Amino acid sequence: MGRVKSVLIAAALLAASPAAAEFAKVDSQEEFISLIQGKELRRPFVRLEVSREGEISGMGAAWAVTGNWTWQDGYFCRDLFWGGDPLGYNCQEVRAHDNRIRFTSDRGAGDSADFRLR
């Protein structure tokens, strides 16, 4: 069951996204906080809240998502759990455009996940 959950959340959180041309890199923690403060991050089957204090909470499919984050050297670094299973620590590049935000794993070299900010 844990393996199935990991595959489902990885697919939901790291699905390929449109080209990055319209997205601008978020360089600072202050800019990131101004984007996410008071907003919910949404994509199909995923709803997350990322607090300015470094907490992550929400739902992915039918399971709770929890975790913590810090801003390090221009990257959003998070330690995430889905349904109690660890998804691990990863530092991600953040880009934004209008009411959308994109996280790209492995400091911008990995898979991307786009969210709507609502």
C-alpha atoms as a PDB file:
ATOM      1  CA  MET A   1       0.000   0.000   0.000  1.00  0.00           C
ATOM      2  CA  GLY A   2       2.839   2.429   0.823  1.00  0.00           C
ATOM      3  CA  ARG A   3       4.424   1.888  -2.582  1.00  0.00           C
ATOM      4  CA  VAL A   4       1.130   2.560  -4.369  1.00  0.00           C
ATOM      5  CA  LYS A   5       0.651   5.783  -2.405  1.00  0.00           C
ATOM      6  CA  SER A   6       4.187   6.902  -3.231  1.00  0.00           C
ATOM      7  CA  VAL A   7       3.668   6.336  -6.943  1.00  0.00           C
ATOM      8  CA  LEU A   8       0.316   8.179  -6.936  1.00  0.00           C
ATOM      9  CA  ILE A   9       1.605  11.229  -5.072  1.00  0.00           C
ATOM     10  CA  ALA A  10       4.765  11.383  -7.163  1.00  0.00           C
ATOM     11  CA  ALA A  11       2.633  11.404 -10.304  1.00  0.00           C
ATOM     12  CA  ALA A  12       0.331  14.096  -8.909  1.00  0.00           C
ATOM     13  CA  LEU A  13       3.083  16.304  -7.509  1.00  0.00           C
ATOM     14  CA  LEU A  14       5.668  15.877 -10.240  1.00  0.00           C
ATOM     15  CA  ALA A  15       3.634  15.707 -13.457  1.00  0.00           C
ATOM     16  CA  ALA A  16       5.227  17.334 -16.486  1.00  0.00           C
ATOM     17  CA  SER A  17       4.174  20.936 -17.053  1.00  0.00           C
ATOM     18  CA  PRO A  18       4.120  23.499 -19.871  1.00  0.00           C
ATOM     19  CA  ALA A  19       7.313  25.314 -20.868  1.00  0.00           C
ATOM     20  CA  ALA A  20       8.888  27.601 -18.258  1.00  0.00           C
ATOM     21  CA  ALA A  21       9.165  30.643 -20.559  1.00  0.00           C
ATOM     22  CA  GLU A  22       6.303  32.538 -18.925  1.00  0.00           C
ATOM     23  CA  PHE A  23       7.318  31.683 -15.363  1.00  0.00           C
ATOM     24  CA  ALA A  24       9.722  33.958 -13.470  1.00  0.00           C
ATOM     25  CA  LYS A  25      12.151  32.534 -10.913  1.00  0.00           C
ATOM     26  CA  VAL A  26      11.370  33.296  -7.287  1.00  0.00           C
ATOM     27  CA  ASP A  27      14.704  34.276  -5.776  1.00  0.00           C
ATOM     28  CA  SER A  28      13.928  35.116  -2.154  1.00  0.00           C
ATOM     29  CA  GLN A  29      12.042  33.743   0.809  1.00  0.00           C
ATOM     30  CA  GLU A  30      10.213  37.086   1.135  1.00  0.00           C
ATOM     31  CA  GLU A  31       8.970  36.890  -2.450  1.00  0.00           C
ATOM     32  CA  PHE A  32       7.911  33.270  -1.946  1.00  0.00           C
ATOM     33  CA  ILE A  33       5.986  34.100   1.233  1.00  0.00           C
ATOM     34  CA  SER A  34       4.223  37.006  -0.472  1.00  0.00           C
ATOM     35  CA  LEU A  35       3.025  34.575  -3.166  1.00  0.00           C
ATOM     36  CA  ILE A  36       1.734  31.802  -0.888  1.00  0.00           C
ATOM     37  CA  GLN A  37       0.549  33.718   2.184  1.00  0.00           C
ATOM     38  CA  GLY A  38      -3.158  33.122   2.764  1.00  0.00           C
ATOM     39  CA  LYS A  39      -3.430  30.923  -0.343  1.00  0.00           C
ATOM     40  CA  GLU A  40      -4.027  27.276  -0.995  1.00  0.00           C
ATOM     41  CA  LEU A  41      -1.891  25.458  -3.574  1.00  0.00           C
ATOM     42  CA  ARG A  42      -4.140  23.330  -5.783  1.00  0.00           C
ATOM     43  CA  ARG A  43      -3.784  20.774  -8.536  1.00  0.00           C
ATOM     44  CA  PRO A  44      -5.948  17.744  -9.351  1.00  0.00           C
ATOM     45  CA  PHE A  45      -6.356  15.624  -6.221  1.00  0.00           C
ATOM     46  CA  VAL A  46      -3.916  17.823  -4.236  1.00  0.00           C
ATOM     47  CA  ARG A  47      -4.610  20.789  -1.935  1.00  0.00           C
ATOM     48  CA  LEU A  48      -1.794  22.179   0.180  1.00  0.00           C
ATOM     49  CA  GLU A  49      -1.165  25.052   2.536  1.00  0.00           C
ATOM     50  CA  VAL A  50       2.400  26.272   2.977  1.00  0.00           C
ATOM     51  CA  SER A  51       2.774  28.531   6.006  1.00  0.00           C
ATOM     52  CA  ARG A  52       5.245  31.365   6.387  1.00  0.00           C
ATOM     53  CA  GLU A  53       6.411  29.609   9.584  1.00  0.00           C
ATOM     54  CA  GLY A  54       7.708  26.612   7.635  1.00  0.00           C
ATOM     55  CA  GLU A  55       4.853  24.114   7.829  1.00  0.00           C
ATOM     56  CA  ILE A  56       3.174  22.199   5.011  1.00  0.00           C
ATOM     57  CA  SER A  57      -0.260  20.611   5.402  1.00  0.00           C
ATOM     58  CA  GLY A  58      -3.072  19.413   3.208  1.00  0.00           C
ATOM     59  CA  MET A  59      -4.410  16.454   1.288  1.00  0.00           C
ATOM     60  CA  GLY A  60      -3.074  14.425  -1.630  1.00  0.00           C
ATOM     61  CA  ALA A  61      -5.760  12.118  -3.029  1.00  0.00           C
ATOM     62  CA  ALA A  62      -7.328  10.757   0.167  1.00  0.00           C
ATOM     63  CA  TRP A  63      -4.263  10.989   2.403  1.00  0.00           C
ATOM     64  CA  ALA A  64      -2.897  13.745   4.604  1.00  0.00           C
ATOM     65  CA  VAL A  65       0.202  15.613   3.491  1.00  0.00           C
ATOM     66  CA  THR A  66       2.443  17.107   6.184  1.00  0.00           C
ATOM     67  CA  GLY A  67       5.919  18.488   6.271  1.00  0.00           C
ATOM     68  CA  ASN A  68       8.287  21.357   6.879  1.00  0.00           C
ATOM     69  CA  TRP A  69      10.179  23.731   4.637  1.00  0.00           C
ATOM     70  CA  THR A  70      13.041  26.217   4.726  1.00  0.00           C
ATOM     71  CA  TRP A  71      14.493  28.589   2.147  1.00  0.00           C
ATOM     72  CA  GLN A  72      18.141  27.814   1.393  1.00  0.00           C
ATOM     73  CA  ASP A  73      20.394  29.472  -1.195  1.00  0.00           C
ATOM     74  CA  GLY A  74      17.439  30.499  -3.379  1.00  0.00           C
ATOM     75  CA  TYR A  75      15.579  27.180  -3.163  1.00  0.00           C
ATOM     76  CA  PHE A  76      12.469  25.867  -1.402  1.00  0.00           C
ATOM     77  CA  CYS A  77      13.753  22.898   0.614  1.00  0.00           C
ATOM     78  CA  ARG A  78      11.102  20.608   2.010  1.00  0.00           C
ATOM     79  CA  ASP A  79      10.757  17.385   3.965  1.00  0.00           C
ATOM     80  CA  LEU A  80       7.379  15.856   3.086  1.00  0.00           C
ATOM     81  CA  PHE A  81       5.153  13.027   4.323  1.00  0.00           C
ATOM     82  CA  TRP A  82       2.105  11.658   2.512  1.00  0.00           C
ATOM     83  CA  GLY A  83      -0.271   9.408   4.429  1.00  0.00           C
ATOM     84  CA  GLY A  84       2.509   9.024   6.998  1.00  0.00           C
ATOM     85  CA  ASP A  85       5.018   7.774   4.420  1.00  0.00           C
ATOM     86  CA  PRO A  86       8.171   9.872   3.917  1.00  0.00           C
ATOM     87  CA  LEU A  87       8.640  11.382   0.460  1.00  0.00           C
ATOM     88  CA  GLY A  88      12.031  12.666   1.483  1.00  0.00           C
ATOM     89  CA  TYR A  89      13.951  15.900   1.556  1.00  0.00           C
ATOM     90  CA  ASN A  90      14.358  17.894  -1.657  1.00  0.00           C
ATOM     91  CA  CYS A  91      15.384  21.439  -2.596  1.00  0.00           C
ATOM     92  CA  GLN A  92      13.283  22.839  -5.415  1.00  0.00           C
ATOM     93  CA  GLU A  93      13.428  25.773  -7.766  1.00  0.00           C
ATOM     94  CA  VAL A  94      10.311  27.942  -7.554  1.00  0.00           C
ATOM     95  CA  ARG A  95       8.856  29.915 -10.455  1.00  0.00           C
ATOM     96  CA  ALA A  96       5.614  31.890 -10.597  1.00  0.00           C
ATOM     97  CA  HIS A  97       3.274  33.446 -13.147  1.00  0.00           C
ATOM     98  CA  ASP A  98      -0.050  35.125 -12.344  1.00  0.00           C
ATOM     99  CA  ASN A  99      -1.906  32.772  -9.985  1.00  0.00           C
ATOM    100  CA  ARG A 100       0.336  29.773 -10.712  1.00  0.00           C
ATOM    101  CA  ILE A 101       3.438  28.501  -9.004  1.00  0.00           C
ATOM    102  CA  ARG A 102       5.837  25.816 -10.263  1.00  0.00           C
ATOM    103  CA  PHE A 103       8.162  23.669  -8.153  1.00  0.00           C
ATOM    104  CA  THR A 104      10.993  21.847  -9.946  1.00  0.00           C
ATOM    105  CA  SER A 105      12.760  19.184  -7.926  1.00  0.00           C
ATOM    106  CA  ASP A 106      16.507  18.711  -7.579  1.00  0.00           C
ATOM    107  CA  ARG A 107      17.299  22.454  -7.617  1.00  0.00           C
ATOM    108  CA  GLY A 108      15.592  22.911 -10.963  1.00  0.00           C
ATOM    109  CA  ALA A 109      17.048  19.841 -12.683  1.00  0.00           C
ATOM    110  CA  GLY A 110      14.209  17.376 -11.991  1.00  0.00           C
ATOM    111  CA  ASP A 111      10.489  17.010 -12.554  1.00  0.00           C
ATOM    112  CA  SER A 112       8.079  19.934 -12.188  1.00  0.00           C
ATOM    113  CA  ALA A 113       4.683  20.353 -10.568  1.00  0.00           C
ATOM    114  CA  ASP A 114       2.400  23.324 -11.201  1.00  0.00           C
ATOM    115  CA  PHE A 115      -0.155  24.558  -8.683  1.00  0.00           C
ATOM    116  CA  ARG A 116      -2.892  27.169  -8.813  1.00  0.00           C
ATOM    117  CA  LEU A 117      -2.845  29.696  -5.969  1.00  0.00           C
ATOM    118  CA  ARG A 118      -6.346  30.229  -4.567  1.00  0.00           C
END
